[in-house]
């Protein structure tokens, strides 16, 4: 099951495991919802009566709103291919605060590793990658055929063996994409019908949220020592907030000074430069109370802490 939008640090592969490790109840807040993986999994799990998402990043909130709540803003059938110029223009418009939903799509879907900062394609392969996109998504069959011919002209005329081999391998992958896209569209519609518990989305700083209206809160902030997001994060201030909350609070991190109640091995794809091999990282779920309190809240759902292996 795929959850949320493409996003650096997405919880997609372990979203269900994290959901199952948090006590069920009334209204839950996903306070750093990011790409919405946990948010969607929580809303679909039926473990809570209502789910609210929040993130300080306005572009993220606008994109999630278009995908989950006010649908119809994004062109799924024939999406526009995003060039390098388009990408950096979108980044600049978002920085200026004068942007639309297509700029949000460009930022997260056309960035390398979904980091929202660097363009997805290298300059040496950008041309044929964009043409390949268009031969799959152009609006008319005539246009798709035209881009198909252009694509193979590039492959045929390129005398670089490594480049040609890479392009031919990419062609093989394209053969199954249209079938997968049709299946994913049907799956997406089925999933969206089950999101009625998603109450609303907010765009607030963590320290400005009124936590008193919620029964439980989940935090997935930027991890210490990892790739920086679009803003600096004050960990010491956050730790003070986390420990002072009167409601049960949970935190995803690699390491934090709180009670660890669950661990998850998260698959991680290494960069192409190191052979595109898979590795895993161990993520932990922390609680702002004691282990006995956690057992009490979990009730019949409680399990002794163990590493839960999540596969693709």
C-alpha atoms as a PDB file:
ATOM      1  CA  UNK A   1       0.000   0.000   0.000  1.00  0.00           C
ATOM      2  CA  UNK A   2       1.358   3.414  -0.991  1.00  0.00           C
ATOM      3  CA  UNK A   3       0.576   6.276   1.396  1.00  0.00           C
ATOM      4  CA  UNK A   4       0.956  10.008   0.962  1.00  0.00           C
ATOM      5  CA  UNK A   5       2.816  12.098  -1.573  1.00  0.00           C
ATOM      6  CA  UNK A   6       6.486  11.686  -2.608  1.00  0.00           C
ATOM      7  CA  UNK A   7       8.449  13.179   0.266  1.00  0.00           C
ATOM      8  CA  UNK A   8      11.950  12.958   1.707  1.00  0.00           C
ATOM      9  CA  UNK A   9      11.880  10.847   4.864  1.00  0.00           C
ATOM     10  CA  UNK A  10       8.437   9.435   4.071  1.00  0.00           C
ATOM     11  CA  UNK A  11       7.029   6.880   6.537  1.00  0.00           C
ATOM     12  CA  UNK A  12       5.282   5.042   3.686  1.00  0.00           C
ATOM     13  CA  UNK A  13       7.037   1.676   4.184  1.00  0.00           C
ATOM     14  CA  UNK A  14       6.394   1.585   7.959  1.00  0.00           C
ATOM     15  CA  UNK A  15       3.230   3.692   8.247  1.00  0.00           C
ATOM     16  CA  UNK A  16       0.977   0.761   9.176  1.00  0.00           C
ATOM     17  CA  UNK A  17       3.450  -0.462  11.798  1.00  0.00           C
ATOM     18  CA  UNK A  18       3.677   2.971  13.422  1.00  0.00           C
ATOM     19  CA  UNK A  19      -0.119   3.292  13.412  1.00  0.00           C
ATOM     20  CA  UNK A  20      -0.470  -0.087  15.124  1.00  0.00           C
ATOM     21  CA  UNK A  21       2.037   0.902  17.824  1.00  0.00           C
ATOM     22  CA  UNK A  22       0.013   3.951  18.918  1.00  0.00           C
ATOM     23  CA  UNK A  23      -3.018   3.546  21.213  1.00  0.00           C
ATOM     24  CA  UNK A  24      -6.448   3.919  19.563  1.00  0.00           C
ATOM     25  CA  UNK A  25      -8.889   6.494  20.841  1.00  0.00           C
ATOM     26  CA  UNK A  26     -10.588   9.765  20.019  1.00  0.00           C
ATOM     27  CA  UNK A  27      -8.955  12.532  17.968  1.00  0.00           C
ATOM     28  CA  UNK A  28      -5.311  12.228  16.918  1.00  0.00           C
ATOM     29  CA  UNK A  29      -3.072  14.995  15.570  1.00  0.00           C
ATOM     30  CA  UNK A  30      -0.278  14.231  13.109  1.00  0.00           C
ATOM     31  CA  UNK A  31       1.668  17.345  14.067  1.00  0.00           C
ATOM     32  CA  UNK A  32       4.428  17.099  11.412  1.00  0.00           C
ATOM     33  CA  UNK A  33       2.477  15.369   8.660  1.00  0.00           C
ATOM     34  CA  UNK A  34       5.029  16.045   5.876  1.00  0.00           C
ATOM     35  CA  UNK A  35       4.100  13.906   2.887  1.00  0.00           C
ATOM     36  CA  UNK A  36       1.044  12.502   4.653  1.00  0.00           C
ATOM     37  CA  UNK A  37       2.017   8.801   4.865  1.00  0.00           C
ATOM     38  CA  UNK A  38       1.177   8.409   8.560  1.00  0.00           C
ATOM     39  CA  UNK A  39      -1.748  10.809   8.162  1.00  0.00           C
ATOM     40  CA  UNK A  40      -3.374   8.646   5.487  1.00  0.00           C
ATOM     41  CA  UNK A  41      -2.605   5.376   7.256  1.00  0.00           C
ATOM     42  CA  UNK A  42      -4.103   6.753  10.482  1.00  0.00           C
ATOM     43  CA  UNK A  43      -7.247   7.990   8.740  1.00  0.00           C
ATOM     44  CA  UNK A  44      -7.759   4.651   7.000  1.00  0.00           C
ATOM     45  CA  UNK A  45      -7.035   2.507  10.052  1.00  0.00           C
ATOM     46  CA  UNK A  46     -10.294   3.341  11.867  1.00  0.00           C
ATOM     47  CA  UNK A  47      -8.335   3.390  15.167  1.00  0.00           C
ATOM     48  CA  UNK A  48      -9.314   7.011  15.891  1.00  0.00           C
ATOM     49  CA  UNK A  49     -12.615   8.881  15.560  1.00  0.00           C
ATOM     50  CA  UNK A  50     -10.930  11.828  13.823  1.00  0.00           C
ATOM     51  CA  UNK A  51      -7.525  12.623  12.343  1.00  0.00           C
ATOM     52  CA  UNK A  52      -6.034  16.100  11.862  1.00  0.00           C
ATOM     53  CA  UNK A  53      -2.873  16.911   9.928  1.00  0.00           C
ATOM     54  CA  UNK A  54      -0.507  19.814  10.523  1.00  0.00           C
ATOM     55  CA  UNK A  55       2.767  20.947   8.975  1.00  0.00           C
ATOM     56  CA  UNK A  56       4.649  24.233   8.957  1.00  0.00           C
ATOM     57  CA  UNK A  57       5.400  23.853   5.249  1.00  0.00           C
ATOM     58  CA  UNK A  58       2.611  25.611   3.327  1.00  0.00           C
ATOM     59  CA  UNK A  59       3.485  23.928   0.008  1.00  0.00           C
ATOM     60  CA  UNK A  60       3.102  20.506   1.653  1.00  0.00           C
ATOM     61  CA  UNK A  61      -0.274  21.425   3.158  1.00  0.00           C
ATOM     62  CA  UNK A  62      -1.565  22.758  -0.163  1.00  0.00           C
ATOM     63  CA  UNK A  63      -0.468  19.610  -1.971  1.00  0.00           C
ATOM     64  CA  UNK A  64      -2.023  17.277   0.623  1.00  0.00           C
ATOM     65  CA  UNK A  65      -5.218  19.304   0.521  1.00  0.00           C
ATOM     66  CA  UNK A  66      -5.390  18.866  -3.258  1.00  0.00           C
ATOM     67  CA  UNK A  67      -4.758  15.121  -2.979  1.00  0.00           C
ATOM     68  CA  UNK A  68      -6.925  14.263   0.036  1.00  0.00           C
ATOM     69  CA  UNK A  69      -9.615  16.891   0.654  1.00  0.00           C
ATOM     70  CA  UNK A  70     -10.313  19.412  -2.102  1.00  0.00           C
ATOM     71  CA  UNK A  71      -9.625  17.038  -4.964  1.00  0.00           C
ATOM     72  CA  UNK A  72      -9.668  17.836  -8.661  1.00  0.00           C
ATOM     73  CA  UNK A  73      -6.892  20.436  -8.560  1.00  0.00           C
ATOM     74  CA  UNK A  74      -4.217  18.111  -9.987  1.00  0.00           C
ATOM     75  CA  UNK A  75      -4.084  16.722 -13.503  1.00  0.00           C
ATOM     76  CA  UNK A  76      -3.470  13.009 -12.968  1.00  0.00           C
ATOM     77  CA  UNK A  77      -4.382  11.724 -16.427  1.00  0.00           C
ATOM     78  CA  UNK A  78      -2.035  13.910 -18.472  1.00  0.00           C
ATOM     79  CA  UNK A  79       0.431  15.543 -16.058  1.00  0.00           C
ATOM     80  CA  UNK A  80       2.732  18.203 -17.448  1.00  0.00           C
ATOM     81  CA  UNK A  81       6.385  17.155 -17.641  1.00  0.00           C
ATOM     82  CA  UNK A  82       8.532  19.371 -15.416  1.00  0.00           C
ATOM     83  CA  UNK A  83      11.764  20.615 -16.990  1.00  0.00           C
ATOM     84  CA  UNK A  84      14.762  21.874 -15.054  1.00  0.00           C
ATOM     85  CA  UNK A  85      13.684  25.469 -15.739  1.00  0.00           C
ATOM     86  CA  UNK A  86      10.111  24.709 -14.633  1.00  0.00           C
ATOM     87  CA  UNK A  87      11.401  23.113 -11.434  1.00  0.00           C
ATOM     88  CA  UNK A  88      13.577  26.006 -10.290  1.00  0.00           C
ATOM     89  CA  UNK A  89      10.941  28.554 -11.285  1.00  0.00           C
ATOM     90  CA  UNK A  90       8.482  26.681  -9.068  1.00  0.00           C
ATOM     91  CA  UNK A  91      10.967  26.622  -6.185  1.00  0.00           C
ATOM     92  CA  UNK A  92      11.433  30.371  -6.489  1.00  0.00           C
ATOM     93  CA  UNK A  93       7.689  31.073  -6.616  1.00  0.00           C
ATOM     94  CA  UNK A  94       7.174  28.970  -3.483  1.00  0.00           C
ATOM     95  CA  UNK A  95       9.928  30.891  -1.711  1.00  0.00           C
ATOM     96  CA  UNK A  96       8.231  34.146  -2.735  1.00  0.00           C
ATOM     97  CA  UNK A  97       4.865  32.890  -1.445  1.00  0.00           C
ATOM     98  CA  UNK A  98       3.153  33.373  -4.805  1.00  0.00           C
ATOM     99  CA  UNK A  99       2.615  29.836  -6.136  1.00  0.00           C
ATOM    100  CA  UNK A 100      -0.058  27.405  -7.310  1.00  0.00           C
ATOM    101  CA  UNK A 101      -0.656  23.685  -6.901  1.00  0.00           C
ATOM    102  CA  UNK A 102       1.449  22.789  -9.967  1.00  0.00           C
ATOM    103  CA  UNK A 103       4.445  24.436  -8.287  1.00  0.00           C
ATOM    104  CA  UNK A 104       3.890  22.144  -5.280  1.00  0.00           C
ATOM    105  CA  UNK A 105       3.712  19.112  -7.564  1.00  0.00           C
ATOM    106  CA  UNK A 106       6.935  20.184  -9.283  1.00  0.00           C
ATOM    107  CA  UNK A 107       8.741  20.728  -5.963  1.00  0.00           C
ATOM    108  CA  UNK A 108       8.058  17.282  -4.536  1.00  0.00           C
ATOM    109  CA  UNK A 109       7.466  15.059  -7.565  1.00  0.00           C
ATOM    110  CA  UNK A 110      10.266  16.424  -9.760  1.00  0.00           C
ATOM    111  CA  UNK A 111      13.022  16.599  -7.162  1.00  0.00           C
ATOM    112  CA  UNK A 112      15.790  14.050  -6.614  1.00  0.00           C
ATOM    113  CA  UNK A 113      14.923  11.835  -3.661  1.00  0.00           C
ATOM    114  CA  UNK A 114      11.833  14.047  -3.236  1.00  0.00           C
ATOM    115  CA  UNK A 115      13.997  16.493  -1.303  1.00  0.00           C
ATOM    116  CA  UNK A 116      12.192  19.529  -2.748  1.00  0.00           C
ATOM    117  CA  UNK A 117      15.527  21.156  -3.623  1.00  0.00           C
ATOM    118  CA  UNK A 118      17.427  19.430  -6.435  1.00  0.00           C
ATOM    119  CA  UNK A 119      16.079  18.557  -9.876  1.00  0.00           C
ATOM    120  CA  UNK A 120      15.321  14.880 -10.457  1.00  0.00           C
ATOM    121  CA  UNK A 121      17.251  14.353 -13.719  1.00  0.00           C
ATOM    122  CA  UNK A 122      20.928  14.912 -14.445  1.00  0.00           C
ATOM    123  CA  UNK A 123      21.715  17.242 -17.336  1.00  0.00           C
ATOM    124  CA  UNK A 124      23.083  14.392 -19.481  1.00  0.00           C
ATOM    125  CA  UNK A 125      19.831  12.394 -19.366  1.00  0.00           C
ATOM    126  CA  UNK A 126      17.225  15.123 -18.854  1.00  0.00           C
ATOM    127  CA  UNK A 127      16.223  15.349 -22.521  1.00  0.00           C
ATOM    128  CA  UNK A 128      15.306  11.704 -23.057  1.00  0.00           C
ATOM    129  CA  UNK A 129      13.698  11.359 -19.610  1.00  0.00           C
ATOM    130  CA  UNK A 130      11.319  14.225 -20.356  1.00  0.00           C
ATOM    131  CA  UNK A 131      10.500  12.795 -23.761  1.00  0.00           C
ATOM    132  CA  UNK A 132       9.848   9.402 -22.129  1.00  0.00           C
ATOM    133  CA  UNK A 133       7.422  11.061 -19.707  1.00  0.00           C
ATOM    134  CA  UNK A 134       5.590  12.716 -22.562  1.00  0.00           C
ATOM    135  CA  UNK A 135       5.321   9.541 -24.627  1.00  0.00           C
ATOM    136  CA  UNK A 136       3.414   8.036 -21.683  1.00  0.00           C
ATOM    137  CA  UNK A 137       1.300  10.980 -20.584  1.00  0.00           C
ATOM    138  CA  UNK A 138       0.687  13.262 -23.599  1.00  0.00           C
ATOM    139  CA  UNK A 139      -3.003  13.955 -24.079  1.00  0.00           C
ATOM    140  CA  UNK A 140      -3.452  12.467 -27.566  1.00  0.00           C
ATOM    141  CA  UNK A 141      -2.281   9.223 -29.117  1.00  0.00           C
ATOM    142  CA  UNK A 142      -0.709  11.209 -31.950  1.00  0.00           C
ATOM    143  CA  UNK A 143       1.420  13.187 -29.498  1.00  0.00           C
ATOM    144  CA  UNK A 144       2.498  10.032 -27.697  1.00  0.00           C
ATOM    145  CA  UNK A 145       3.599   8.443 -30.960  1.00  0.00           C
ATOM    146  CA  UNK A 146       5.524  11.584 -31.851  1.00  0.00           C
ATOM    147  CA  UNK A 147       7.439  11.515 -28.559  1.00  0.00           C
ATOM    148  CA  UNK A 148       7.974   7.762 -28.968  1.00  0.00           C
ATOM    149  CA  UNK A 149       9.756   8.399 -32.275  1.00  0.00           C
ATOM    150  CA  UNK A 150      11.828  11.203 -30.752  1.00  0.00           C
ATOM    151  CA  UNK A 151      12.861   8.972 -27.898  1.00  0.00           C
ATOM    152  CA  UNK A 152      14.173   6.212 -30.145  1.00  0.00           C
ATOM    153  CA  UNK A 153      15.900   8.735 -32.395  1.00  0.00           C
ATOM    154  CA  UNK A 154      17.911   9.856 -29.366  1.00  0.00           C
ATOM    155  CA  UNK A 155      18.762   6.268 -28.393  1.00  0.00           C
ATOM    156  CA  UNK A 156      19.787   5.381 -31.959  1.00  0.00           C
ATOM    157  CA  UNK A 157      21.926   8.476 -32.515  1.00  0.00           C
ATOM    158  CA  UNK A 158      23.744   8.316 -29.192  1.00  0.00           C
ATOM    159  CA  UNK A 159      27.104   6.547 -29.564  1.00  0.00           C
ATOM    160  CA  UNK A 160      27.850   6.461 -25.837  1.00  0.00           C
ATOM    161  CA  UNK A 161      27.605   2.764 -24.887  1.00  0.00           C
ATOM    162  CA  UNK A 162      26.885   3.420 -21.207  1.00  0.00           C
ATOM    163  CA  UNK A 163      24.292   6.057 -22.007  1.00  0.00           C
ATOM    164  CA  UNK A 164      22.640   3.879 -24.660  1.00  0.00           C
ATOM    165  CA  UNK A 165      22.490   0.886 -22.326  1.00  0.00           C
ATOM    166  CA  UNK A 166      20.934   2.999 -19.586  1.00  0.00           C
ATOM    167  CA  UNK A 167      18.306   4.280 -21.992  1.00  0.00           C
ATOM    168  CA  UNK A 168      17.460   0.818 -23.294  1.00  0.00           C
ATOM    169  CA  UNK A 169      17.033  -0.453 -19.745  1.00  0.00           C
ATOM    170  CA  UNK A 170      14.718   2.459 -19.101  1.00  0.00           C
ATOM    171  CA  UNK A 171      12.649   1.527 -22.181  1.00  0.00           C
ATOM    172  CA  UNK A 172      12.111  -1.954 -20.752  1.00  0.00           C
ATOM    173  CA  UNK A 173      10.732  -0.457 -17.567  1.00  0.00           C
ATOM    174  CA  UNK A 174       8.328   1.732 -19.533  1.00  0.00           C
ATOM    175  CA  UNK A 175       6.611  -1.284 -21.058  1.00  0.00           C
ATOM    176  CA  UNK A 176       4.745  -2.050 -17.838  1.00  0.00           C
ATOM    177  CA  UNK A 177       4.169   1.504 -16.584  1.00  0.00           C
ATOM    178  CA  UNK A 178       0.825   2.137 -18.271  1.00  0.00           C
ATOM    179  CA  UNK A 179      -0.665  -1.042 -16.793  1.00  0.00           C
ATOM    180  CA  UNK A 180       0.636  -0.101 -13.353  1.00  0.00           C
ATOM    181  CA  UNK A 181      -0.761   3.417 -13.663  1.00  0.00           C
ATOM    182  CA  UNK A 182      -4.243   2.101 -14.434  1.00  0.00           C
ATOM    183  CA  UNK A 183      -4.147  -0.202 -11.407  1.00  0.00           C
ATOM    184  CA  UNK A 184      -2.840   2.586  -9.173  1.00  0.00           C
ATOM    185  CA  UNK A 185      -5.639   4.936 -10.266  1.00  0.00           C
ATOM    186  CA  UNK A 186      -8.249   2.356  -9.251  1.00  0.00           C
ATOM    187  CA  UNK A 187      -6.457   1.720  -5.959  1.00  0.00           C
ATOM    188  CA  UNK A 188      -6.184   5.460  -5.295  1.00  0.00           C
ATOM    189  CA  UNK A 189      -9.928   5.956  -5.733  1.00  0.00           C
ATOM    190  CA  UNK A 190     -10.657   3.057  -3.374  1.00  0.00           C
ATOM    191  CA  UNK A 191      -8.328   4.469  -0.731  1.00  0.00           C
ATOM    192  CA  UNK A 192      -9.714   7.999  -0.933  1.00  0.00           C
ATOM    193  CA  UNK A 193     -13.200   6.695  -0.201  1.00  0.00           C
ATOM    194  CA  UNK A 194     -11.944   5.489   3.199  1.00  0.00           C
ATOM    195  CA  UNK A 195     -10.479   8.824   4.321  1.00  0.00           C
ATOM    196  CA  UNK A 196     -13.656  10.252   5.868  1.00  0.00           C
ATOM    197  CA  UNK A 197     -11.956  10.399   9.298  1.00  0.00           C
ATOM    198  CA  UNK A 198      -9.487  12.972   7.998  1.00  0.00           C
ATOM    199  CA  UNK A 199     -11.028  16.063   9.538  1.00  0.00           C
ATOM    200  CA  UNK A 200      -8.816  18.920   8.370  1.00  0.00           C
ATOM    201  CA  UNK A 201      -5.297  20.169   7.646  1.00  0.00           C
ATOM    202  CA  UNK A 202      -3.559  23.029   9.432  1.00  0.00           C
ATOM    203  CA  UNK A 203      -0.422  25.032   8.784  1.00  0.00           C
ATOM    204  CA  UNK A 204       0.941  25.961  12.203  1.00  0.00           C
ATOM    205  CA  UNK A 205       4.267  26.013  13.988  1.00  0.00           C
ATOM    206  CA  UNK A 206       4.485  23.109  16.458  1.00  0.00           C
ATOM    207  CA  UNK A 207       4.772  25.596  19.303  1.00  0.00           C
ATOM    208  CA  UNK A 208       1.583  27.431  18.297  1.00  0.00           C
ATOM    209  CA  UNK A 209      -0.731  24.401  18.217  1.00  0.00           C
ATOM    210  CA  UNK A 210      -3.535  24.132  20.800  1.00  0.00           C
ATOM    211  CA  UNK A 211      -2.992  20.517  21.859  1.00  0.00           C
ATOM    212  CA  UNK A 212      -5.889  20.590  24.345  1.00  0.00           C
ATOM    213  CA  UNK A 213      -8.440  19.700  21.635  1.00  0.00           C
ATOM    214  CA  UNK A 214      -6.701  16.394  20.887  1.00  0.00           C
ATOM    215  CA  UNK A 215      -6.622  13.057  22.692  1.00  0.00           C
ATOM    216  CA  UNK A 216      -3.276  11.973  21.320  1.00  0.00           C
ATOM    217  CA  UNK A 217      -0.504  13.464  19.171  1.00  0.00           C
ATOM    218  CA  UNK A 218       2.157  11.994  16.899  1.00  0.00           C
ATOM    219  CA  UNK A 219       5.338  13.869  15.930  1.00  0.00           C
ATOM    220  CA  UNK A 220       7.612  13.066  13.003  1.00  0.00           C
ATOM    221  CA  UNK A 221       9.964  16.072  12.883  1.00  0.00           C
ATOM    222  CA  UNK A 222      13.240  16.240  10.930  1.00  0.00           C
ATOM    223  CA  UNK A 223      15.625  13.726  12.482  1.00  0.00           C
ATOM    224  CA  UNK A 224      18.731  15.002  14.235  1.00  0.00           C
ATOM    225  CA  UNK A 225      21.857  14.833  12.098  1.00  0.00           C
ATOM    226  CA  UNK A 226      20.033  14.138   8.831  1.00  0.00           C
ATOM    227  CA  UNK A 227      19.505  16.121   5.626  1.00  0.00           C
ATOM    228  CA  UNK A 228      18.109  19.584   6.400  1.00  0.00           C
ATOM    229  CA  UNK A 229      14.600  20.542   5.334  1.00  0.00           C
ATOM    230  CA  UNK A 230      13.458  24.039   4.375  1.00  0.00           C
ATOM    231  CA  UNK A 231      13.792  25.356   7.919  1.00  0.00           C
ATOM    232  CA  UNK A 232      15.842  24.963  11.097  1.00  0.00           C
ATOM    233  CA  UNK A 233      14.397  22.845  13.886  1.00  0.00           C
ATOM    234  CA  UNK A 234      14.866  23.641  17.601  1.00  0.00           C
ATOM    235  CA  UNK A 235      15.251  20.180  19.160  1.00  0.00           C
ATOM    236  CA  UNK A 236      15.764  21.283  22.768  1.00  0.00           C
ATOM    237  CA  UNK A 237      12.644  23.438  22.710  1.00  0.00           C
ATOM    238  CA  UNK A 238      10.720  20.591  21.099  1.00  0.00           C
ATOM    239  CA  UNK A 239      11.878  18.095  23.747  1.00  0.00           C
ATOM    240  CA  UNK A 240      10.596  20.453  26.432  1.00  0.00           C
ATOM    241  CA  UNK A 241       7.236  20.658  24.660  1.00  0.00           C
ATOM    242  CA  UNK A 242       7.037  16.883  24.151  1.00  0.00           C
ATOM    243  CA  UNK A 243       7.708  16.061  27.805  1.00  0.00           C
ATOM    244  CA  UNK A 244       5.307  18.741  29.093  1.00  0.00           C
ATOM    245  CA  UNK A 245       2.232  17.687  27.097  1.00  0.00           C
ATOM    246  CA  UNK A 246      -0.677  16.440  29.219  1.00  0.00           C
ATOM    247  CA  UNK A 247      -1.940  14.109  26.500  1.00  0.00           C
ATOM    248  CA  UNK A 248      -0.185  10.940  25.263  1.00  0.00           C
ATOM    249  CA  UNK A 249       2.457  11.980  22.727  1.00  0.00           C
ATOM    250  CA  UNK A 250       4.566   9.856  20.412  1.00  0.00           C
ATOM    251  CA  UNK A 251       7.734  10.717  18.530  1.00  0.00           C
ATOM    252  CA  UNK A 252       9.517   9.043  15.620  1.00  0.00           C
ATOM    253  CA  UNK A 253      13.308   9.444  15.769  1.00  0.00           C
ATOM    254  CA  UNK A 254      16.554   7.515  15.609  1.00  0.00           C
ATOM    255  CA  UNK A 255      17.452   8.514  19.151  1.00  0.00           C
ATOM    256  CA  UNK A 256      15.654  10.662  21.733  1.00  0.00           C
ATOM    257  CA  UNK A 257      15.684  10.981  25.571  1.00  0.00           C
ATOM    258  CA  UNK A 258      12.280   9.363  26.120  1.00  0.00           C
ATOM    259  CA  UNK A 259      10.700   5.918  26.609  1.00  0.00           C
ATOM    260  CA  UNK A 260      11.174   3.809  23.479  1.00  0.00           C
ATOM    261  CA  UNK A 261       8.084   1.668  22.907  1.00  0.00           C
ATOM    262  CA  UNK A 262       8.667   0.262  19.404  1.00  0.00           C
ATOM    263  CA  UNK A 263      11.381  -0.160  16.785  1.00  0.00           C
ATOM    264  CA  UNK A 264      11.051  -0.544  13.031  1.00  0.00           C
ATOM    265  CA  UNK A 265      13.537  -1.516  10.350  1.00  0.00           C
ATOM    266  CA  UNK A 266      12.887   0.781   7.440  1.00  0.00           C
ATOM    267  CA  UNK A 267      14.159  -0.210   3.970  1.00  0.00           C
ATOM    268  CA  UNK A 268      16.331   2.424   2.361  1.00  0.00           C
ATOM    269  CA  UNK A 269      17.398   2.569  -1.276  1.00  0.00           C
ATOM    270  CA  UNK A 270      20.972   3.709  -1.703  1.00  0.00           C
ATOM    271  CA  UNK A 271      21.940   6.145  -4.441  1.00  0.00           C
ATOM    272  CA  UNK A 272      22.583   4.910  -7.959  1.00  0.00           C
ATOM    273  CA  UNK A 273      26.242   5.868  -7.618  1.00  0.00           C
ATOM    274  CA  UNK A 274      26.737   3.103  -5.069  1.00  0.00           C
ATOM    275  CA  UNK A 275      24.943   0.424  -7.016  1.00  0.00           C
ATOM    276  CA  UNK A 276      21.290   1.049  -6.102  1.00  0.00           C
ATOM    277  CA  UNK A 277      21.528  -1.452  -3.255  1.00  0.00           C
ATOM    278  CA  UNK A 278      19.049  -1.709  -0.404  1.00  0.00           C
ATOM    279  CA  UNK A 279      19.922  -1.140   3.214  1.00  0.00           C
ATOM    280  CA  UNK A 280      17.848  -0.604   6.322  1.00  0.00           C
ATOM    281  CA  UNK A 281      17.726   1.983   9.061  1.00  0.00           C
ATOM    282  CA  UNK A 282      16.263   1.398  12.507  1.00  0.00           C
ATOM    283  CA  UNK A 283      13.634   3.944  13.464  1.00  0.00           C
ATOM    284  CA  UNK A 284      12.195   4.161  16.968  1.00  0.00           C
ATOM    285  CA  UNK A 285       8.904   5.306  18.452  1.00  0.00           C
ATOM    286  CA  UNK A 286       9.135   7.223  21.724  1.00  0.00           C
ATOM    287  CA  UNK A 287       6.424   7.970  24.306  1.00  0.00           C
ATOM    288  CA  UNK A 288       6.189  10.933  26.697  1.00  0.00           C
ATOM    289  CA  UNK A 289       5.151   8.700  29.599  1.00  0.00           C
ATOM    290  CA  UNK A 290       6.212   5.507  31.305  1.00  0.00           C
ATOM    291  CA  UNK A 291       6.173   1.998  29.890  1.00  0.00           C
ATOM    292  CA  UNK A 292       3.422   1.013  32.365  1.00  0.00           C
ATOM    293  CA  UNK A 293       1.297   3.918  31.152  1.00  0.00           C
ATOM    294  CA  UNK A 294       1.889   2.855  27.562  1.00  0.00           C
ATOM    295  CA  UNK A 295       0.766  -0.704  28.370  1.00  0.00           C
ATOM    296  CA  UNK A 296      -2.370   0.655  29.972  1.00  0.00           C
ATOM    297  CA  UNK A 297      -3.218   2.830  26.959  1.00  0.00           C
ATOM    298  CA  UNK A 298      -2.580   0.042  24.466  1.00  0.00           C
ATOM    299  CA  UNK A 299      -4.695  -2.485  26.369  1.00  0.00           C
ATOM    300  CA  UNK A 300      -5.285  -5.609  24.289  1.00  0.00           C
ATOM    301  CA  UNK A 301      -3.188  -4.098  21.485  1.00  0.00           C
ATOM    302  CA  UNK A 302      -0.028  -4.096  23.606  1.00  0.00           C
ATOM    303  CA  UNK A 303       2.933  -6.148  22.438  1.00  0.00           C
ATOM    304  CA  UNK A 304       6.395  -6.343  23.927  1.00  0.00           C
ATOM    305  CA  UNK A 305       8.774  -4.034  22.081  1.00  0.00           C
ATOM    306  CA  UNK A 306      10.370  -5.812  19.183  1.00  0.00           C
ATOM    307  CA  UNK A 307      11.898  -4.895  15.853  1.00  0.00           C
ATOM    308  CA  UNK A 308       9.191  -4.945  13.203  1.00  0.00           C
ATOM    309  CA  UNK A 309      10.596  -5.602   9.736  1.00  0.00           C
ATOM    310  CA  UNK A 310       8.817  -3.620   7.025  1.00  0.00           C
ATOM    311  CA  UNK A 311       9.454  -4.663   3.443  1.00  0.00           C
ATOM    312  CA  UNK A 312       8.683  -2.980   0.130  1.00  0.00           C
END
